[in-house]
């Protein structure tokens, strides 16, 4: 059977990578070095979730769960900047909740056109024209583009309905919504006929509202029994609940009052996980109506007469209805309209109330990074964590000495060198920038502290060069060592010659 309705999918999104910056020097006739003109790379495209009124299912993402945005273009010479990657817009139904793999709610998408950036594209790298300064007039390097964000998200549809019909399987919920509205759900005389929520539009006077038919619940639904756990999410946004109770049940261990209490217990155990906005009441505190269904049957009417007084005494507004004969449907629809009207008024008052904005500025002494000392068998490791150092490492081309020197200058200006000294770090200690899954390891060299005035040829950094050329003093000392060694060697050879001569003379005698 083909899948038509999908209300929960796992989506893997990857934003576009930023384009690399360009290293270029303007060259024209009679101006061989006209200055740097390498342009910046373009930004990578974002992955955006947008609410669309024509989308009703998550089926496309069930079949193709991996989505990727466009990468940014690379920079070029003559100040030709790379193009920005196009955003990837994914259409989702209204009422979609975006969560992480561990269940954290990221967004509750309500309202047509509402957007949520699921993954941000990487920023493009700067070209050497943007990196030029008074001391570094023609940089021989450019910054790399940042990689796009990768995320694994869980999308869930929660029906946007005003009234939810709940009850045991085969209680007549689908028949009731078919009688109240123009909805035509699949109806049969066996349990679990409804395999997906059904929505119907009901008009009662001047009030127009939607009703959701949720698949039947059984005891233990909140823990995953039956289909309840899969579809209980569709009643989270409802203004009121209508308990549909079967008056024609023939099971010996069931009665209408017990069925009602069993369903209420499952609703109390179910945890609502939409965004905490304050406009939604807990399921157990929402207005409740009780519909005694199938009263057109003789046994159903007798059962209704026995339990109605008990339910009304407990505080429930009770209606005797029949989807076949349409008995009591008008009274029930107007009662539902009354509850919907009150709930809409309450929510409008909450929306009209001014929202107090809380601004939490960054502390003055916030350095933007943190250094953690980790003890290992091989010695201490200093891990540098922070958005700026980690981003700078991703932007650095480690095959270019000048780019590595530029990274050292940026870290020194940020205060990393000073804090390492204060924490007792020594030259040669291991410095790790970034978390374990994406880190770069260095051997700390404080002599790298300096500036662009120490630059050599374009694309090089004298601080990174291993210069083995000896000084005049070292050459003079080495010359004297060689002369002393030659003198010692001559003395040894002369001593050996004299000893051999003496031995020959003694042998001849």
Protein backbone atom coordinates (compact mmCIF):
# COMPACT_ATOMS: atom_id res chain seq x y z
CA UNK A 1 0.00 0.00 0.00
CA UNK A 2 1.40 3.36 -0.96
CA UNK A 3 2.27 5.79 1.79
CA UNK A 4 0.05 8.89 1.61
CA UNK A 5 0.33 10.41 5.05
CA UNK A 6 3.64 10.83 6.88
CA UNK A 7 3.70 12.98 10.03
CA UNK A 8 7.18 12.21 11.37
CA UNK A 9 10.49 12.08 9.50
CA UNK A 10 14.20 12.36 10.20
CA UNK A 11 15.79 14.97 7.96
CA UNK A 12 19.51 15.33 7.28
CA UNK A 13 20.32 18.86 6.10
CA UNK A 14 23.65 20.29 5.00
CA UNK A 15 24.14 23.95 4.27
CA UNK A 16 26.41 25.14 1.48
CA UNK A 17 30.12 25.71 2.02
CA UNK A 18 31.54 29.19 1.69
CA UNK A 19 33.74 29.88 -1.32
CA UNK A 20 37.49 30.35 -0.89
CA UNK A 21 39.06 33.77 -1.24
CA UNK A 22 41.40 34.48 -4.16
CA UNK A 23 45.11 35.36 -4.12
CA UNK A 24 45.85 37.66 -7.04
CA UNK A 25 48.04 40.67 -7.87
CA UNK A 26 47.03 43.14 -10.52
CA UNK A 27 49.33 43.02 -13.52
CA UNK A 28 49.24 45.36 -16.49
CA UNK A 29 51.70 46.94 -18.89
CA UNK A 30 54.34 49.00 -17.14
CA UNK A 31 52.73 48.07 -13.76
CA UNK A 32 53.88 44.55 -12.98
CA UNK A 33 52.79 44.86 -9.31
CA UNK A 34 49.66 46.91 -9.27
CA UNK A 35 48.52 45.72 -5.83
CA UNK A 36 46.35 42.85 -4.64
CA UNK A 37 43.02 42.32 -6.41
CA UNK A 38 41.91 38.92 -5.16
CA UNK A 39 38.19 38.94 -4.39
CA UNK A 40 36.18 37.32 -1.61
CA UNK A 41 34.37 34.00 -1.88
CA UNK A 42 30.59 33.81 -1.79
CA UNK A 43 28.54 32.67 1.21
CA UNK A 44 27.05 29.19 1.19
CA UNK A 45 23.29 28.78 0.92
CA UNK A 46 21.08 28.17 3.96
CA UNK A 47 18.58 25.34 4.39
CA UNK A 48 15.26 27.00 5.26
CA UNK A 49 12.02 25.38 6.42
CA UNK A 50 8.97 27.38 5.29
CA UNK A 51 5.30 26.82 6.16
CA UNK A 52 3.19 26.32 3.06
CA UNK A 53 -0.60 26.15 2.95
CA UNK A 54 -0.55 23.70 0.02
CA UNK A 55 1.63 21.15 1.83
CA UNK A 56 -0.11 18.60 4.03
CA UNK A 57 2.42 15.81 4.50
CA UNK A 58 6.12 15.15 5.06
CA UNK A 59 6.15 12.38 2.47
CA UNK A 60 8.81 13.99 0.18
CA UNK A 61 11.30 14.04 3.06
CA UNK A 62 10.46 10.45 3.98
CA UNK A 63 11.52 9.34 0.50
CA UNK A 64 14.49 11.71 0.21
CA UNK A 65 15.76 12.61 3.69
CA UNK A 66 19.13 14.08 2.65
CA UNK A 67 19.01 17.70 1.47
CA UNK A 68 21.92 20.01 0.66
CA UNK A 69 22.09 23.69 -0.21
CA UNK A 70 24.29 25.25 -2.87
CA UNK A 71 27.94 26.14 -2.20
CA UNK A 72 29.24 29.66 -2.56
CA UNK A 73 31.41 30.55 -5.55
CA UNK A 74 35.16 31.11 -5.22
CA UNK A 75 36.65 34.58 -5.52
CA UNK A 76 38.56 35.56 -8.63
CA UNK A 77 41.11 38.12 -9.69
CA UNK A 78 40.25 41.65 -10.74
CA UNK A 79 38.01 41.92 -7.64
CA UNK A 80 35.39 39.52 -9.01
CA UNK A 81 33.62 38.25 -5.93
CA UNK A 82 32.17 34.77 -5.78
CA UNK A 83 28.40 34.41 -6.01
CA UNK A 84 26.41 33.48 -2.92
CA UNK A 85 24.95 29.99 -2.88
CA UNK A 86 21.20 29.78 -3.36
CA UNK A 87 19.15 28.97 -0.29
CA UNK A 88 17.36 25.63 -0.25
CA UNK A 89 13.73 26.19 0.80
CA UNK A 90 11.88 23.13 2.09
CA UNK A 91 8.10 23.44 2.33
CA UNK A 92 6.42 21.95 5.41
CA UNK A 93 2.80 21.88 6.62
CA UNK A 94 1.54 24.29 9.24
CA UNK A 95 1.97 22.89 12.72
CA UNK A 96 5.36 21.26 12.05
CA UNK A 97 7.59 20.97 15.09
CA UNK A 98 11.35 20.84 14.54
CA UNK A 99 13.35 18.87 17.11
CA UNK A 100 16.85 17.53 17.53
CA UNK A 101 17.62 13.83 17.66
CA UNK A 102 17.55 13.88 21.48
CA UNK A 103 14.12 15.54 21.60
CA UNK A 104 14.99 19.23 22.11
CA UNK A 105 12.39 21.48 20.46
CA UNK A 106 14.00 24.01 18.11
CA UNK A 107 10.99 25.57 16.42
CA UNK A 108 7.21 25.37 16.36
CA UNK A 109 6.22 26.51 12.87
CA UNK A 110 2.82 28.23 12.97
CA UNK A 111 1.45 30.68 10.43
CA UNK A 112 1.69 30.60 6.64
CA UNK A 113 5.09 31.83 5.50
CA UNK A 114 6.88 31.24 8.81
CA UNK A 115 10.50 30.31 8.23
CA UNK A 116 13.17 28.56 10.27
CA UNK A 117 16.83 28.31 9.26
CA UNK A 118 17.58 24.63 9.75
CA UNK A 119 21.25 24.91 8.74
CA UNK A 120 23.31 28.04 8.14
CA UNK A 121 25.64 28.30 5.19
CA UNK A 122 29.34 28.88 5.67
CA UNK A 123 30.78 32.34 5.20
CA UNK A 124 33.00 32.98 2.22
CA UNK A 125 36.71 33.53 2.74
CA UNK A 126 38.33 36.95 2.30
CA UNK A 127 40.59 37.54 -0.69
CA UNK A 128 44.03 39.07 -0.38
CA UNK A 129 42.64 42.49 -1.40
CA UNK A 130 40.51 42.55 1.77
CA UNK A 131 43.46 41.39 3.90
CA UNK A 132 45.83 44.14 2.75
CA UNK A 133 47.03 46.62 5.38
CA UNK A 134 49.71 49.25 5.80
CA UNK A 135 52.20 46.61 6.97
CA UNK A 136 50.95 43.77 4.77
CA UNK A 137 50.54 45.58 1.46
CA UNK A 138 50.33 42.52 -0.81
CA UNK A 139 49.26 39.43 1.14
CA UNK A 140 50.29 36.20 -0.47
CA UNK A 141 47.38 34.30 1.01
CA UNK A 142 43.60 34.31 1.29
CA UNK A 143 41.14 32.90 3.81
CA UNK A 144 39.31 29.67 3.13
CA UNK A 145 35.55 29.46 3.08
CA UNK A 146 33.85 28.04 6.16
CA UNK A 147 32.05 24.71 5.85
CA UNK A 148 28.26 24.72 5.98
CA UNK A 149 26.37 23.53 9.04
CA UNK A 150 25.26 19.91 9.13
CA UNK A 151 22.29 18.88 11.28
CA UNK A 152 20.05 15.91 11.82
CA UNK A 153 16.53 17.06 12.58
CA UNK A 154 13.24 15.38 13.43
CA UNK A 155 10.12 16.91 11.87
CA UNK A 156 6.71 16.19 13.39
CA UNK A 157 3.30 17.38 12.24
CA UNK A 158 0.91 18.42 14.97
CA UNK A 159 -2.55 19.07 13.61
CA UNK A 160 -3.83 22.62 13.85
CA UNK A 161 -7.38 21.84 14.94
CA UNK A 162 -9.75 23.53 17.39
CA UNK A 163 -11.52 20.40 18.64
CA UNK A 164 -10.13 16.88 19.04
CA UNK A 165 -12.28 13.76 19.14
CA UNK A 166 -10.74 11.14 21.44
CA UNK A 167 -11.91 7.77 22.57
CA UNK A 168 -11.47 4.03 22.32
CA UNK A 169 -11.20 2.30 18.92
CA UNK A 170 -14.54 1.85 17.13
CA UNK A 171 -16.22 4.43 19.36
CA UNK A 172 -17.58 6.17 16.26
CA UNK A 173 -15.22 9.14 16.03
CA UNK A 174 -14.75 8.88 12.26
CA UNK A 175 -18.48 8.50 11.69
CA UNK A 176 -19.11 11.49 13.93
CA UNK A 177 -16.68 13.78 12.07
CA UNK A 178 -18.17 12.61 8.77
CA UNK A 179 -21.62 13.60 10.02
CA UNK A 180 -20.46 16.98 11.38
CA UNK A 181 -18.38 18.05 8.36
CA UNK A 182 -17.61 17.26 4.76
CA UNK A 183 -14.74 14.96 5.73
CA UNK A 184 -14.99 11.43 4.36
CA UNK A 185 -12.67 9.20 6.39
CA UNK A 186 -12.35 5.47 5.88
CA UNK A 187 -14.93 3.82 8.14
CA UNK A 188 -15.29 0.13 9.02
CA UNK A 189 -16.78 -1.88 11.87
CA UNK A 190 -13.48 -3.15 13.28
CA UNK A 191 -10.90 -1.49 15.56
CA UNK A 192 -8.04 0.68 14.31
CA UNK A 193 -9.78 1.52 11.07
CA UNK A 194 -8.43 5.06 11.32
CA UNK A 195 -4.73 4.97 10.55
CA UNK A 196 -4.19 8.72 10.16
CA UNK A 197 -5.76 11.86 11.65
CA UNK A 198 -8.71 13.28 9.78
CA UNK A 199 -9.61 16.96 9.75
CA UNK A 200 -13.07 18.36 9.15
CA UNK A 201 -14.45 21.91 9.04
CA UNK A 202 -17.62 22.55 11.05
CA UNK A 203 -19.84 25.64 10.99
CA UNK A 204 -22.08 26.42 13.96
CA UNK A 205 -23.80 29.77 13.60
CA UNK A 206 -21.18 32.38 12.84
CA UNK A 207 -18.30 30.26 14.21
CA UNK A 208 -16.21 28.19 11.87
CA UNK A 209 -13.75 25.70 13.39
CA UNK A 210 -11.88 22.51 12.60
CA UNK A 211 -12.30 19.11 14.21
CA UNK A 212 -9.60 16.41 14.34
CA UNK A 213 -10.37 12.71 14.43
CA UNK A 214 -7.50 10.95 16.21
CA UNK A 215 -7.00 7.16 15.91
CA UNK A 216 -8.43 5.25 18.82
CA UNK A 217 -6.64 5.15 22.15
CA UNK A 218 -6.23 2.18 24.45
CA UNK A 219 -4.80 1.89 27.98
CA UNK A 220 -1.05 2.33 27.77
CA UNK A 221 -1.18 4.57 24.70
CA UNK A 222 1.09 7.16 26.33
CA UNK A 223 3.75 4.44 26.68
CA UNK A 224 3.48 3.31 23.07
CA UNK A 225 0.67 0.75 23.02
CA UNK A 226 -1.50 0.72 19.95
CA UNK A 227 -1.45 3.79 17.69
CA UNK A 228 -1.97 6.33 20.43
CA UNK A 229 1.63 7.42 20.94
CA UNK A 230 2.03 8.05 17.22
CA UNK A 231 -0.99 10.35 17.00
CA UNK A 232 -1.43 11.91 20.42
CA UNK A 233 0.72 14.78 19.19
CA UNK A 234 -2.15 15.87 16.93
CA UNK A 235 -4.29 16.97 19.87
CA UNK A 236 -1.69 19.21 21.52
CA UNK A 237 -2.94 22.43 19.91
CA UNK A 238 -6.67 21.77 20.31
CA UNK A 239 -8.75 24.24 22.27
CA UNK A 240 -11.04 21.56 23.71
CA UNK A 241 -11.49 17.79 23.80
CA UNK A 242 -14.59 15.79 23.03
CA UNK A 243 -14.68 12.32 24.56
CA UNK A 244 -16.60 10.03 22.26
CA UNK A 245 -17.93 7.07 24.26
CA UNK A 246 -19.45 3.99 22.70
CA UNK A 247 -22.87 3.27 24.19
CA UNK A 248 -23.22 -0.03 22.33
CA UNK A 249 -20.19 -1.86 23.63
CA UNK A 250 -20.71 -5.51 24.56
CA UNK A 251 -17.43 -6.09 26.38
CA UNK A 252 -17.89 -7.32 29.92
CA UNK A 253 -14.82 -5.56 31.35
CA UNK A 254 -15.74 -2.14 29.93
CA UNK A 255 -18.34 0.48 30.73
CA UNK A 256 -18.66 4.13 29.59
CA UNK A 257 -17.44 5.68 32.84
CA UNK A 258 -14.37 3.41 32.98
CA UNK A 259 -13.57 4.23 29.35
CA UNK A 260 -13.70 7.95 30.12
CA UNK A 261 -11.38 7.65 33.11
CA UNK A 262 -8.97 5.45 31.16
CA UNK A 263 -8.66 7.99 28.34
CA UNK A 264 -8.18 10.86 30.80
CA UNK A 265 -5.38 8.92 32.52
CA UNK A 266 -3.57 8.49 29.20
CA UNK A 267 -3.94 12.20 28.42
CA UNK A 268 -2.51 13.09 31.84
CA UNK A 269 0.55 10.91 31.27
CA UNK A 270 1.25 12.28 27.81
CA UNK A 271 3.87 15.05 27.82
CA UNK A 272 3.28 17.97 25.50
CA UNK A 273 6.52 19.02 23.76
CA UNK A 274 5.53 22.01 21.62
CA UNK A 275 7.31 25.31 22.20
CA UNK A 276 6.47 26.68 25.66
CA UNK A 277 4.60 29.85 24.71
CA UNK A 278 2.09 30.03 27.55
CA UNK A 279 -0.97 30.01 25.27
CA UNK A 280 -1.56 26.25 25.54
CA UNK A 281 -3.10 24.67 28.61
CA UNK A 282 -2.18 21.15 29.75
CA UNK A 283 -4.37 18.46 28.22
CA UNK A 284 -6.02 17.71 31.57
CA UNK A 285 -6.99 21.40 32.09
CA UNK A 286 -8.65 22.02 28.73
CA UNK A 287 -12.42 22.20 28.34
CA UNK A 288 -14.04 18.80 27.93
CA UNK A 289 -17.29 17.65 26.37
CA UNK A 290 -18.66 14.12 26.48
CA UNK A 291 -20.50 12.69 23.48
CA UNK A 292 -22.49 9.52 24.21
CA UNK A 293 -22.44 8.00 20.72
CA UNK A 294 -24.58 5.30 19.08
CA UNK A 295 -27.67 6.16 21.06
CA UNK A 296 -29.79 5.22 18.03
CA UNK A 297 -29.39 1.59 19.05
CA UNK A 298 -31.81 0.25 21.71
CA UNK A 299 -29.06 -0.91 24.00
CA UNK A 300 -27.18 2.33 23.42
CA UNK A 301 -30.08 4.49 24.58
CA UNK A 302 -30.54 2.35 27.69
CA UNK A 303 -26.85 2.60 28.53
CA UNK A 304 -26.96 6.37 27.99
CA UNK A 305 -29.86 6.76 30.37
CA UNK A 306 -27.92 4.95 33.09
CA UNK A 307 -24.60 6.84 32.85
CA UNK A 308 -25.64 10.35 31.78
CA UNK A 309 -26.74 11.44 35.26
CA UNK A 310 -23.51 10.10 36.75
CA UNK A 311 -21.35 11.99 34.24
CA UNK A 312 -23.30 15.24 34.69
CA UNK A 313 -22.97 14.94 38.45
CA UNK A 314 -19.21 14.68 37.99
CA UNK A 315 -19.24 18.01 36.11
CA UNK A 316 -19.14 16.84 32.48
CA UNK A 317 -21.32 18.45 29.80
CA UNK A 318 -22.88 15.42 28.20
CA UNK A 319 -24.63 15.07 24.84
CA UNK A 320 -26.49 12.10 23.44
CA UNK A 321 -25.57 11.85 19.76
CA UNK A 322 -25.87 9.49 16.85
CA UNK A 323 -23.90 9.77 13.62
CA UNK A 324 -26.50 7.69 11.78
CA UNK A 325 -29.68 9.46 12.81
CA UNK A 326 -27.86 12.80 13.40
CA UNK A 327 -29.42 13.01 16.83
CA UNK A 328 -27.87 15.71 19.05
CA UNK A 329 -25.28 16.81 16.45
CA UNK A 330 -26.57 20.38 16.29
CA UNK A 331 -26.42 20.82 20.06
CA UNK A 332 -22.94 19.29 20.17
CA UNK A 333 -21.62 21.50 17.35
CA UNK A 334 -22.88 24.68 19.03
CA UNK A 335 -21.35 23.61 22.34
CA UNK A 336 -18.03 23.04 20.60
CA UNK A 337 -18.33 26.43 18.89
CA UNK A 338 -18.83 28.09 22.27
CA UNK A 339 -15.65 26.53 23.65
CA UNK A 340 -13.68 27.48 20.53
CA UNK A 341 -14.91 31.08 20.75
CA UNK A 342 -13.84 31.35 24.41
CA UNK A 343 -10.43 29.84 23.70
CA UNK A 344 -9.80 32.19 20.79
CA UNK A 345 -10.68 35.14 23.01
CA UNK A 346 -8.28 33.92 25.70
CA UNK A 347 -5.43 33.46 23.23
CA UNK A 348 -6.04 36.88 21.66
CA UNK A 349 -5.70 38.49 25.09
CA UNK A 350 -2.38 36.71 25.57
CA UNK A 351 -1.16 37.83 22.15
CA UNK A 352 -2.24 41.43 22.77
CA UNK A 353 -0.40 41.57 26.07
CA UNK A 354 2.96 43.34 25.77
CA UNK A 355 5.95 41.04 25.81
CA UNK A 356 8.73 42.10 28.15
CA UNK A 357 12.03 42.07 26.35
CA UNK A 358 14.98 40.90 28.44
CA UNK A 359 18.38 42.04 27.16
CA UNK A 360 21.41 40.26 28.54
CA UNK A 361 24.57 42.02 27.32
CA UNK A 362 27.89 40.24 27.12
CA UNK A 363 30.09 40.72 30.15
CA UNK A 364 32.83 43.33 29.84
CA UNK A 365 35.53 40.84 30.81
CA UNK A 366 34.35 38.21 28.31
CA UNK A 367 37.40 37.34 26.19
CA UNK A 368 35.48 35.38 23.60
CA UNK A 369 37.40 32.19 24.24
CA UNK A 370 38.26 29.77 27.02
CA UNK A 371 41.36 27.65 27.66
CA UNK A 372 41.06 24.34 29.50
CA UNK A 373 44.08 22.43 30.82
CA UNK A 374 43.85 18.66 30.34
CA UNK A 375 46.30 16.27 31.99
CA UNK A 376 47.48 13.33 29.88
CA UNK A 377 50.21 10.68 30.11
CA UNK A 378 52.38 12.60 27.65
CA UNK A 379 51.97 15.86 29.55
CA UNK A 380 49.50 18.72 29.83
CA UNK A 381 47.32 19.76 26.89
CA UNK A 382 45.84 23.22 26.62
CA UNK A 383 42.54 23.23 24.71
CA UNK A 384 41.37 26.56 23.29
CA UNK A 385 37.60 26.79 22.87
CA UNK A 386 35.63 29.66 21.41
CA UNK A 387 33.79 30.68 18.27
CA UNK A 388 36.53 33.01 17.00
CA UNK A 389 39.58 30.72 17.37
CA UNK A 390 37.68 27.76 15.93
CA UNK A 391 36.43 29.80 13.00
CA UNK A 392 39.90 31.24 12.30
CA UNK A 393 41.41 27.76 12.18
CA UNK A 394 38.83 26.68 9.60
CA UNK A 395 39.73 29.72 7.49
CA UNK A 396 43.50 29.08 7.52
CA UNK A 397 45.37 27.44 4.65
CA UNK A 398 48.14 25.60 6.53
CA UNK A 399 50.09 24.99 3.34
CA UNK A 400 50.85 28.73 3.22
CA UNK A 401 53.35 30.00 5.79
CA UNK A 402 52.06 33.55 5.60
CA UNK A 403 48.52 32.35 6.35
CA UNK A 404 49.80 30.45 9.40
CA UNK A 405 51.65 33.56 10.58
CA UNK A 406 48.48 35.61 10.13
CA UNK A 407 46.63 33.09 12.33
CA UNK A 408 49.31 33.46 15.00
CA UNK A 409 48.90 37.25 14.90
CA UNK A 410 45.12 36.98 15.27
CA UNK A 411 45.40 34.63 18.24
CA UNK A 412 47.93 36.92 19.91
CA UNK A 413 45.70 39.98 19.48
CA UNK A 414 42.79 38.02 20.94
CA UNK A 415 44.82 37.35 24.10
CA UNK A 416 45.44 33.62 23.74
CA UNK A 417 49.23 33.94 24.18
CA UNK A 418 48.86 36.02 27.34
CA UNK A 419 46.42 33.59 28.94
CA UNK A 420 48.65 30.62 28.10
CA UNK A 421 51.52 32.34 29.90
CA UNK A 422 49.30 33.02 32.91
CA UNK A 423 48.25 29.35 33.04
CA UNK A 424 51.88 28.21 33.18
CA UNK A 425 52.30 26.91 29.66
CA UNK A 426 55.85 26.35 28.41
CA UNK A 427 57.29 26.44 24.88
CA UNK A 428 56.74 23.12 23.18
CA UNK A 429 53.51 22.29 25.06
CA UNK A 430 50.62 20.88 23.03
CA UNK A 431 47.91 23.38 22.14
CA UNK A 432 44.60 22.10 20.75
CA UNK A 433 42.10 24.48 19.16
CA UNK A 434 38.55 23.19 18.91
CA UNK A 435 36.67 20.15 20.25
CA UNK A 436 37.82 16.56 19.82
CA UNK A 437 35.79 15.89 16.69
CA UNK A 438 37.16 18.91 14.83
CA UNK A 439 40.43 20.16 16.30
CA UNK A 440 43.89 21.30 15.18
CA UNK A 441 47.01 20.48 17.23
CA UNK A 442 50.00 22.83 17.58
CA UNK A 443 53.28 22.86 19.44
CA UNK A 444 53.28 26.19 21.23
CA UNK A 445 56.02 28.53 20.07
CA UNK A 446 55.89 31.93 21.83
CA UNK A 447 58.47 33.28 19.36
CA UNK A 448 55.68 33.38 16.82
CA UNK A 449 54.41 36.51 18.54
CA UNK A 450 55.13 39.40 16.21
CA UNK A 451 53.61 41.17 13.28
CA UNK A 452 53.66 41.70 9.57
CA UNK A 453 56.96 43.61 9.80
CA UNK A 454 58.69 40.23 10.02
CA UNK A 455 57.35 39.09 6.66
CA UNK A 456 59.72 37.91 3.97
CA UNK A 457 58.79 37.18 0.39
CA UNK A 458 55.11 37.09 -0.57
CA UNK A 459 53.52 33.90 0.73
CA UNK A 460 56.23 33.29 3.34
CA UNK A 461 56.76 34.19 6.98
CA UNK A 462 60.26 34.48 8.38
CA UNK A 463 59.05 33.29 11.77
CA UNK A 464 58.26 29.91 10.29
CA UNK A 465 61.44 29.53 8.27
CA UNK A 466 64.09 27.19 9.63
CA UNK A 467 67.14 29.36 8.83
CA UNK A 468 70.34 27.27 9.25
CA UNK A 469 72.80 29.95 8.02
CA UNK A 470 75.57 30.34 10.57
CA UNK A 471 76.67 33.69 11.90
CA UNK A 472 80.24 35.07 11.51
CA UNK A 473 81.05 34.14 15.08
CA UNK A 474 79.76 30.60 14.57
CA UNK A 475 81.75 30.22 11.35
CA UNK A 476 84.95 31.45 13.08
CA UNK A 477 84.47 29.02 15.96
CA UNK A 478 83.83 26.18 13.53
CA UNK A 479 87.05 27.10 11.64
CA UNK A 480 89.11 26.98 14.82
CA UNK A 481 87.58 23.64 15.71
CA UNK A 482 88.55 22.24 12.32
CA UNK A 483 92.10 23.58 12.67
CA UNK A 484 92.45 22.11 16.16
CA UNK A 485 91.18 18.79 14.90
CA UNK A 486 93.70 18.81 12.04
CA UNK A 487 96.53 19.62 14.46
CA UNK A 488 95.54 16.76 16.75
CA UNK A 489 95.33 14.38 13.81
CA UNK A 490 98.86 15.38 12.61
CA UNK A 491 100.24 14.89 16.12
CA UNK A 492 98.72 11.41 16.33
CA UNK A 493 100.11 10.43 12.93
CA UNK A 494 103.57 11.74 13.89
CA UNK A 495 103.50 9.80 17.15
CA UNK A 496 102.53 6.61 15.30
CA UNK A 497 105.35 7.13 12.77
CA UNK A 498 107.95 7.59 15.49
CA UNK A 499 106.75 4.50 17.33
CA UNK A 500 106.95 2.34 14.19
CA UNK A 501 110.47 3.63 13.44
CA UNK A 502 111.63 2.81 16.94
CA UNK A 503 110.15 -0.65 16.72
CA UNK A 504 112.01 -1.36 13.47
CA UNK A 505 115.33 -0.22 14.97
CA UNK A 506 114.94 -2.48 17.97
CA UNK A 507 114.13 -5.41 15.71
CA UNK A 508 117.26 -4.94 13.56
CA UNK A 509 119.55 -5.04 16.63
